[in-house]
Amino acid sequence: MALVLTPNIDNPDGFYDALVQAHEGLNADESAAFNARLILILANQVGNEETLRAALKTAQGA
């Protein structure tokens, strides 16, 4: 499965605002833990290891 690298969120500004709000009041460690949990939840939604590994490689090159 090819990665979707073009905008694909119905309301990207709304999602970004929700993401920022989710981090409000968190210290750096809590924020990092939140991000880790969110990544694992989203990875579970993707579910395809090949796609997830491609995403890792893409993120490393960013």
PDB file of N, CA and C in Angstrom:
ATOM      1  N   MET A   1       0.842  -1.177   0.000  1.00  0.00           N
ATOM      2  CA  MET A   1       0.000   0.000   0.000  1.00  0.00           C
ATOM      3  C   MET A   1       0.890   1.244   0.000  1.00  0.00           C
ATOM      4  N   ALA A   2       0.652   2.137  -0.926  1.00  0.00           N
ATOM      5  CA  ALA A   2       1.419   3.375  -1.004  1.00  0.00           C
ATOM      6  C   ALA A   2       0.927   4.357   0.063  1.00  0.00           C
ATOM      7  N   LEU A   3       1.870   5.118   0.592  1.00  0.00           N
ATOM      8  CA  LEU A   3       1.506   6.126   1.588  1.00  0.00           C
ATOM      9  C   LEU A   3       0.790   7.287   0.926  1.00  0.00           C
ATOM     10  N   VAL A   4      -0.195   7.834   1.612  1.00  0.00           N
ATOM     11  CA  VAL A   4      -0.875   9.043   1.173  1.00  0.00           C
ATOM     12  C   VAL A   4      -0.101  10.214   1.764  1.00  0.00           C
ATOM     13  N   LEU A   5       0.577  10.973   0.925  1.00  0.00           N
ATOM     14  CA  LEU A   5       1.413  12.076   1.398  1.00  0.00           C
ATOM     15  C   LEU A   5       0.843  13.441   1.029  1.00  0.00           C
ATOM     16  N   THR A   6      -0.326  13.443   0.415  1.00  0.00           N
ATOM     17  CA  THR A   6      -1.020  14.694   0.126  1.00  0.00           C
ATOM     18  C   THR A   6      -2.078  14.911   1.206  1.00  0.00           C
ATOM     19  N   PRO A   7      -2.501  16.157   1.420  1.00  0.00           N
ATOM     20  CA  PRO A   7      -3.504  16.424   2.469  1.00  0.00           C
ATOM     21  C   PRO A   7      -4.722  15.512   2.310  1.00  0.00           C
ATOM     22  N   ASN A   8      -5.123  14.878   3.421  1.00  0.00           N
ATOM     23  CA  ASN A   8      -6.192  13.887   3.373  1.00  0.00           C
ATOM     24  C   ASN A   8      -7.087  13.964   4.610  1.00  0.00           C
ATOM     25  N   ILE A   9      -7.089  15.085   5.296  1.00  0.00           N
ATOM     26  CA  ILE A   9      -7.917  15.274   6.489  1.00  0.00           C
ATOM     27  C   ILE A   9      -8.995  16.276   6.122  1.00  0.00           C
ATOM     28  N   ASP A  10     -10.252  15.945   6.422  1.00  0.00           N
ATOM     29  CA  ASP A  10     -11.368  16.822   6.071  1.00  0.00           C
ATOM     30  C   ASP A  10     -11.200  18.228   6.629  1.00  0.00           C
ATOM     31  N   ASN A  11     -10.773  18.330   7.877  1.00  0.00           N
ATOM     32  CA  ASN A  11     -10.646  19.619   8.547  1.00  0.00           C
ATOM     33  C   ASN A  11      -9.284  19.680   9.235  1.00  0.00           C
ATOM     34  N   PRO A  12      -8.203  19.886   8.467  1.00  0.00           N
ATOM     35  CA  PRO A  12      -6.868  19.834   9.063  1.00  0.00           C
ATOM     36  C   PRO A  12      -6.661  20.870  10.160  1.00  0.00           C
ATOM     37  N   ASP A  13      -7.195  22.072   9.988  1.00  0.00           N
ATOM     38  CA  ASP A  13      -7.035  23.098  11.024  1.00  0.00           C
ATOM     39  C   ASP A  13      -7.754  22.700  12.300  1.00  0.00           C
ATOM     40  N   GLY A  14      -8.932  22.132  12.169  1.00  0.00           N
ATOM     41  CA  GLY A  14      -9.679  21.669  13.336  1.00  0.00           C
ATOM     42  C   GLY A  14      -8.958  20.535  14.055  1.00  0.00           C
ATOM     43  N   PHE A  15      -8.387  19.606  13.276  1.00  0.00           N
ATOM     44  CA  PHE A  15      -7.630  18.521  13.884  1.00  0.00           C
ATOM     45  C   PHE A  15      -6.393  19.055  14.591  1.00  0.00           C
ATOM     46  N   TYR A  16      -5.692  19.990  13.947  1.00  0.00           N
ATOM     47  CA  TYR A  16      -4.497  20.565  14.569  1.00  0.00           C
ATOM     48  C   TYR A  16      -4.860  21.251  15.881  1.00  0.00           C
ATOM     49  N   ASP A  17      -5.949  21.999  15.881  1.00  0.00           N
ATOM     50  CA  ASP A  17      -6.397  22.660  17.117  1.00  0.00           C
ATOM     51  C   ASP A  17      -6.692  21.632  18.212  1.00  0.00           C
ATOM     52  N   ALA A  18      -7.363  20.538  17.848  1.00  0.00           N
ATOM     53  CA  ALA A  18      -7.667  19.492  18.824  1.00  0.00           C
ATOM     54  C   ALA A  18      -6.384  18.850  19.353  1.00  0.00           C
ATOM     55  N   LEU A  19      -5.410  18.667  18.485  1.00  0.00           N
ATOM     56  CA  LEU A  19      -4.134  18.085  18.891  1.00  0.00           C
ATOM     57  C   LEU A  19      -3.408  19.005  19.857  1.00  0.00           C
ATOM     58  N   VAL A  20      -3.372  20.283  19.544  1.00  0.00           N
ATOM     59  CA  VAL A  20      -2.729  21.255  20.431  1.00  0.00           C
ATOM     60  C   VAL A  20      -3.449  21.286  21.776  1.00  0.00           C
ATOM     61  N   GLN A  21      -4.768  21.297  21.763  1.00  0.00           N
ATOM     62  CA  GLN A  21      -5.541  21.315  23.010  1.00  0.00           C
ATOM     63  C   GLN A  21      -5.282  20.062  23.838  1.00  0.00           C
ATOM     64  N   ALA A  22      -5.092  18.928  23.185  1.00  0.00           N
ATOM     65  CA  ALA A  22      -4.833  17.682  23.909  1.00  0.00           C
ATOM     66  C   ALA A  22      -3.514  17.742  24.666  1.00  0.00           C
ATOM     67  N   HIS A  23      -2.596  18.583  24.222  1.00  0.00           N
ATOM     68  CA  HIS A  23      -1.291  18.722  24.867  1.00  0.00           C
ATOM     69  C   HIS A  23      -1.276  19.803  25.954  1.00  0.00           C
ATOM     70  N   GLU A  24      -2.318  20.605  26.010  1.00  0.00           N
ATOM     71  CA  GLU A  24      -2.348  21.693  26.990  1.00  0.00           C
ATOM     72  C   GLU A  24      -2.263  21.138  28.410  1.00  0.00           C
ATOM     73  N   GLY A  25      -1.396  21.750  29.201  1.00  0.00           N
ATOM     74  CA  GLY A  25      -1.239  21.355  30.597  1.00  0.00           C
ATOM     75  C   GLY A  25      -0.311  20.173  30.814  1.00  0.00           C
ATOM     76  N   LEU A  26       0.205  19.587  29.742  1.00  0.00           N
ATOM     77  CA  LEU A  26       1.111  18.449  29.876  1.00  0.00           C
ATOM     78  C   LEU A  26       2.550  18.947  29.930  1.00  0.00           C
ATOM     79  N   ASN A  27       3.359  18.304  30.761  1.00  0.00           N
ATOM     80  CA  ASN A  27       4.787  18.624  30.730  1.00  0.00           C
ATOM     81  C   ASN A  27       5.417  17.846  29.567  1.00  0.00           C
ATOM     82  N   ALA A  28       6.705  18.010  29.359  1.00  0.00           N
ATOM     83  CA  ALA A  28       7.371  17.387  28.209  1.00  0.00           C
ATOM     84  C   ALA A  28       7.253  15.864  28.220  1.00  0.00           C
ATOM     85  N   ASP A  29       7.420  15.247  29.391  1.00  0.00           N
ATOM     86  CA  ASP A  29       7.322  13.779  29.470  1.00  0.00           C
ATOM     87  C   ASP A  29       5.897  13.303  29.200  1.00  0.00           C
ATOM     88  N   GLU A  30       4.921  14.000  29.754  1.00  0.00           N
ATOM     89  CA  GLU A  30       3.521  13.635  29.532  1.00  0.00           C
ATOM     90  C   GLU A  30       3.142  13.826  28.069  1.00  0.00           C
ATOM     91  N   SER A  31       3.647  14.881  27.454  1.00  0.00           N
ATOM     92  CA  SER A  31       3.381  15.143  26.045  1.00  0.00           C
ATOM     93  C   SER A  31       3.973  14.043  25.169  1.00  0.00           C
ATOM     94  N   ALA A  32       5.203  13.643  25.478  1.00  0.00           N
ATOM     95  CA  ALA A  32       5.835  12.561  24.719  1.00  0.00           C
ATOM     96  C   ALA A  32       5.073  11.253  24.886  1.00  0.00           C
ATOM     97  N   ALA A  33       4.599  10.969  26.094  1.00  0.00           N
ATOM     98  CA  ALA A  33       3.832   9.746  26.342  1.00  0.00           C
ATOM     99  C   ALA A  33       2.495   9.790  25.600  1.00  0.00           C
ATOM    100  N   PHE A  34       1.864  10.962  25.594  1.00  0.00           N
ATOM    101  CA  PHE A  34       0.618  11.122  24.846  1.00  0.00           C
ATOM    102  C   PHE A  34       0.861  10.837  23.362  1.00  0.00           C
ATOM    103  N   ASN A  35       1.922  11.437  22.800  1.00  0.00           N
ATOM    104  CA  ASN A  35       2.241  11.216  21.386  1.00  0.00           C
ATOM    105  C   ASN A  35       2.482   9.743  21.098  1.00  0.00           C
ATOM    106  N   ALA A  36       3.184   9.057  21.992  1.00  0.00           N
ATOM    107  CA  ALA A  36       3.454   7.626  21.798  1.00  0.00           C
ATOM    108  C   ALA A  36       2.150   6.830  21.786  1.00  0.00           C
ATOM    109  N   ARG A  37       1.260   7.137  22.726  1.00  0.00           N
ATOM    110  CA  ARG A  37      -0.038   6.429  22.753  1.00  0.00           C
ATOM    111  C   ARG A  37      -0.832   6.706  21.486  1.00  0.00           C
ATOM    112  N   LEU A  38      -0.853   7.968  21.063  1.00  0.00           N
ATOM    113  CA  LEU A  38      -1.594   8.328  19.856  1.00  0.00           C
ATOM    114  C   LEU A  38      -1.028   7.614  18.630  1.00  0.00           C
ATOM    115  N   ILE A  39       0.285   7.562  18.520  1.00  0.00           N
ATOM    116  CA  ILE A  39       0.921   6.870  17.394  1.00  0.00           C
ATOM    117  C   ILE A  39       0.535   5.398  17.381  1.00  0.00           C
ATOM    118  N   LEU A  40       0.548   4.756  18.534  1.00  0.00           N
ATOM    119  CA  LEU A  40       0.197   3.331  18.592  1.00  0.00           C
ATOM    120  C   LEU A  40      -1.271   3.099  18.258  1.00  0.00           C
ATOM    121  N   ILE A  41      -2.144   3.990  18.695  1.00  0.00           N
ATOM    122  CA  ILE A  41      -3.570   3.870  18.355  1.00  0.00           C
ATOM    123  C   ILE A  41      -3.765   4.023  16.850  1.00  0.00           C
ATOM    124  N   LEU A  42      -3.127   5.029  16.258  1.00  0.00           N
ATOM    125  CA  LEU A  42      -3.266   5.243  14.818  1.00  0.00           C
ATOM    126  C   LEU A  42      -2.611   4.120  14.020  1.00  0.00           C
ATOM    127  N   ALA A  43      -1.477   3.614  14.499  1.00  0.00           N
ATOM    128  CA  ALA A  43      -0.818   2.490  13.825  1.00  0.00           C
ATOM    129  C   ALA A  43      -1.730   1.268  13.829  1.00  0.00           C
ATOM    130  N   ASN A  44      -2.438   1.055  14.918  1.00  0.00           N
ATOM    131  CA  ASN A  44      -3.372  -0.059  14.996  1.00  0.00           C
ATOM    132  C   ASN A  44      -4.499   0.115  13.978  1.00  0.00           C
ATOM    133  N   GLN A  45      -4.929   1.347  13.753  1.00  0.00           N
ATOM    134  CA  GLN A  45      -5.970   1.611  12.761  1.00  0.00           C
ATOM    135  C   GLN A  45      -5.470   1.307  11.351  1.00  0.00           C
ATOM    136  N   VAL A  46      -4.208   1.644  11.067  1.00  0.00           N
ATOM    137  CA  VAL A  46      -3.624   1.343   9.756  1.00  0.00           C
ATOM    138  C   VAL A  46      -3.515  -0.168   9.607  1.00  0.00           C
ATOM    139  N   GLY A  47      -2.905  -0.809  10.596  1.00  0.00           N
ATOM    140  CA  GLY A  47      -2.896  -2.250  10.686  1.00  0.00           C
ATOM    141  C   GLY A  47      -1.963  -2.999   9.743  1.00  0.00           C
ATOM    142  N   ASN A  48      -1.397  -2.354   8.761  1.00  0.00           N
ATOM    143  CA  ASN A  48      -0.561  -3.036   7.782  1.00  0.00           C
ATOM    144  C   ASN A  48       0.903  -2.737   8.069  1.00  0.00           C
ATOM    145  N   GLU A  49       1.668  -3.780   8.403  1.00  0.00           N
ATOM    146  CA  GLU A  49       3.057  -3.574   8.804  1.00  0.00           C
ATOM    147  C   GLU A  49       3.904  -2.950   7.696  1.00  0.00           C
ATOM    148  N   GLU A  50       3.676  -3.340   6.466  1.00  0.00           N
ATOM    149  CA  GLU A  50       4.447  -2.769   5.354  1.00  0.00           C
ATOM    150  C   GLU A  50       4.208  -1.255   5.258  1.00  0.00           C
ATOM    151  N   THR A  51       2.973  -0.844   5.387  1.00  0.00           N
ATOM    152  CA  THR A  51       2.630   0.576   5.348  1.00  0.00           C
ATOM    153  C   THR A  51       3.242   1.304   6.528  1.00  0.00           C
ATOM    154  N   LEU A  52       3.182   0.694   7.691  1.00  0.00           N
ATOM    155  CA  LEU A  52       3.748   1.331   8.888  1.00  0.00           C
ATOM    156  C   LEU A  52       5.261   1.487   8.772  1.00  0.00           C
ATOM    157  N   ARG A  53       5.932   0.485   8.221  1.00  0.00           N
ATOM    158  CA  ARG A  53       7.392   0.583   8.040  1.00  0.00           C
ATOM    159  C   ARG A  53       7.728   1.663   7.001  1.00  0.00           C
ATOM    160  N   ALA A  54       6.919   1.774   5.971  1.00  0.00           N
ATOM    161  CA  ALA A  54       7.135   2.831   4.974  1.00  0.00           C
ATOM    162  C   ALA A  54       6.949   4.208   5.621  1.00  0.00           C
ATOM    163  N   ALA A  55       5.972   4.317   6.501  1.00  0.00           N
ATOM    164  CA  ALA A  55       5.744   5.582   7.211  1.00  0.00           C
ATOM    165  C   ALA A  55       6.923   5.912   8.103  1.00  0.00           C
ATOM    166  N   LEU A  56       7.475   4.919   8.778  1.00  0.00           N
ATOM    167  CA  LEU A  56       8.657   5.148   9.616  1.00  0.00           C
ATOM    168  C   LEU A  56       9.820   5.682   8.795  1.00  0.00           C
ATOM    169  N   LYS A  57      10.073   5.032   7.651  1.00  0.00           N
ATOM    170  CA  LYS A  57      11.178   5.460   6.785  1.00  0.00           C
ATOM    171  C   LYS A  57      10.935   6.874   6.251  1.00  0.00           C
ATOM    172  N   THR A  58       9.698   7.174   5.897  1.00  0.00           N
ATOM    173  CA  THR A  58       9.378   8.515   5.396  1.00  0.00           C
ATOM    174  C   THR A  58       9.590   9.554   6.478  1.00  0.00           C
ATOM    175  N   ALA A  59       9.161   9.254   7.682  1.00  0.00           N
ATOM    176  CA  ALA A  59       9.316  10.192   8.796  1.00  0.00           C
ATOM    177  C   ALA A  59      10.801  10.393   9.143  1.00  0.00           C
ATOM    178  N   GLN A  60      11.604   9.348   9.027  1.00  0.00           N
ATOM    179  CA  GLN A  60      13.030   9.472   9.319  1.00  0.00           C
ATOM    180  C   GLN A  60      13.719  10.389   8.316  1.00  0.00           C
ATOM    181  N   GLY A  61      13.228  10.404   7.092  1.00  0.00           N
ATOM    182  CA  GLY A  61      13.834  11.226   6.065  1.00  0.00           C
ATOM    183  C   GLY A  61      13.338  12.665   6.067  1.00  0.00           C
ATOM    184  N   ALA A  62      12.320  12.946   6.855  1.00  0.00           N
ATOM    185  CA  ALA A  62      11.726  14.304   6.872  1.00  0.00           C
ATOM    186  C   ALA A  62      12.617  15.291   7.596  1.00  0.00           C
TER     187      ALA A  62
END
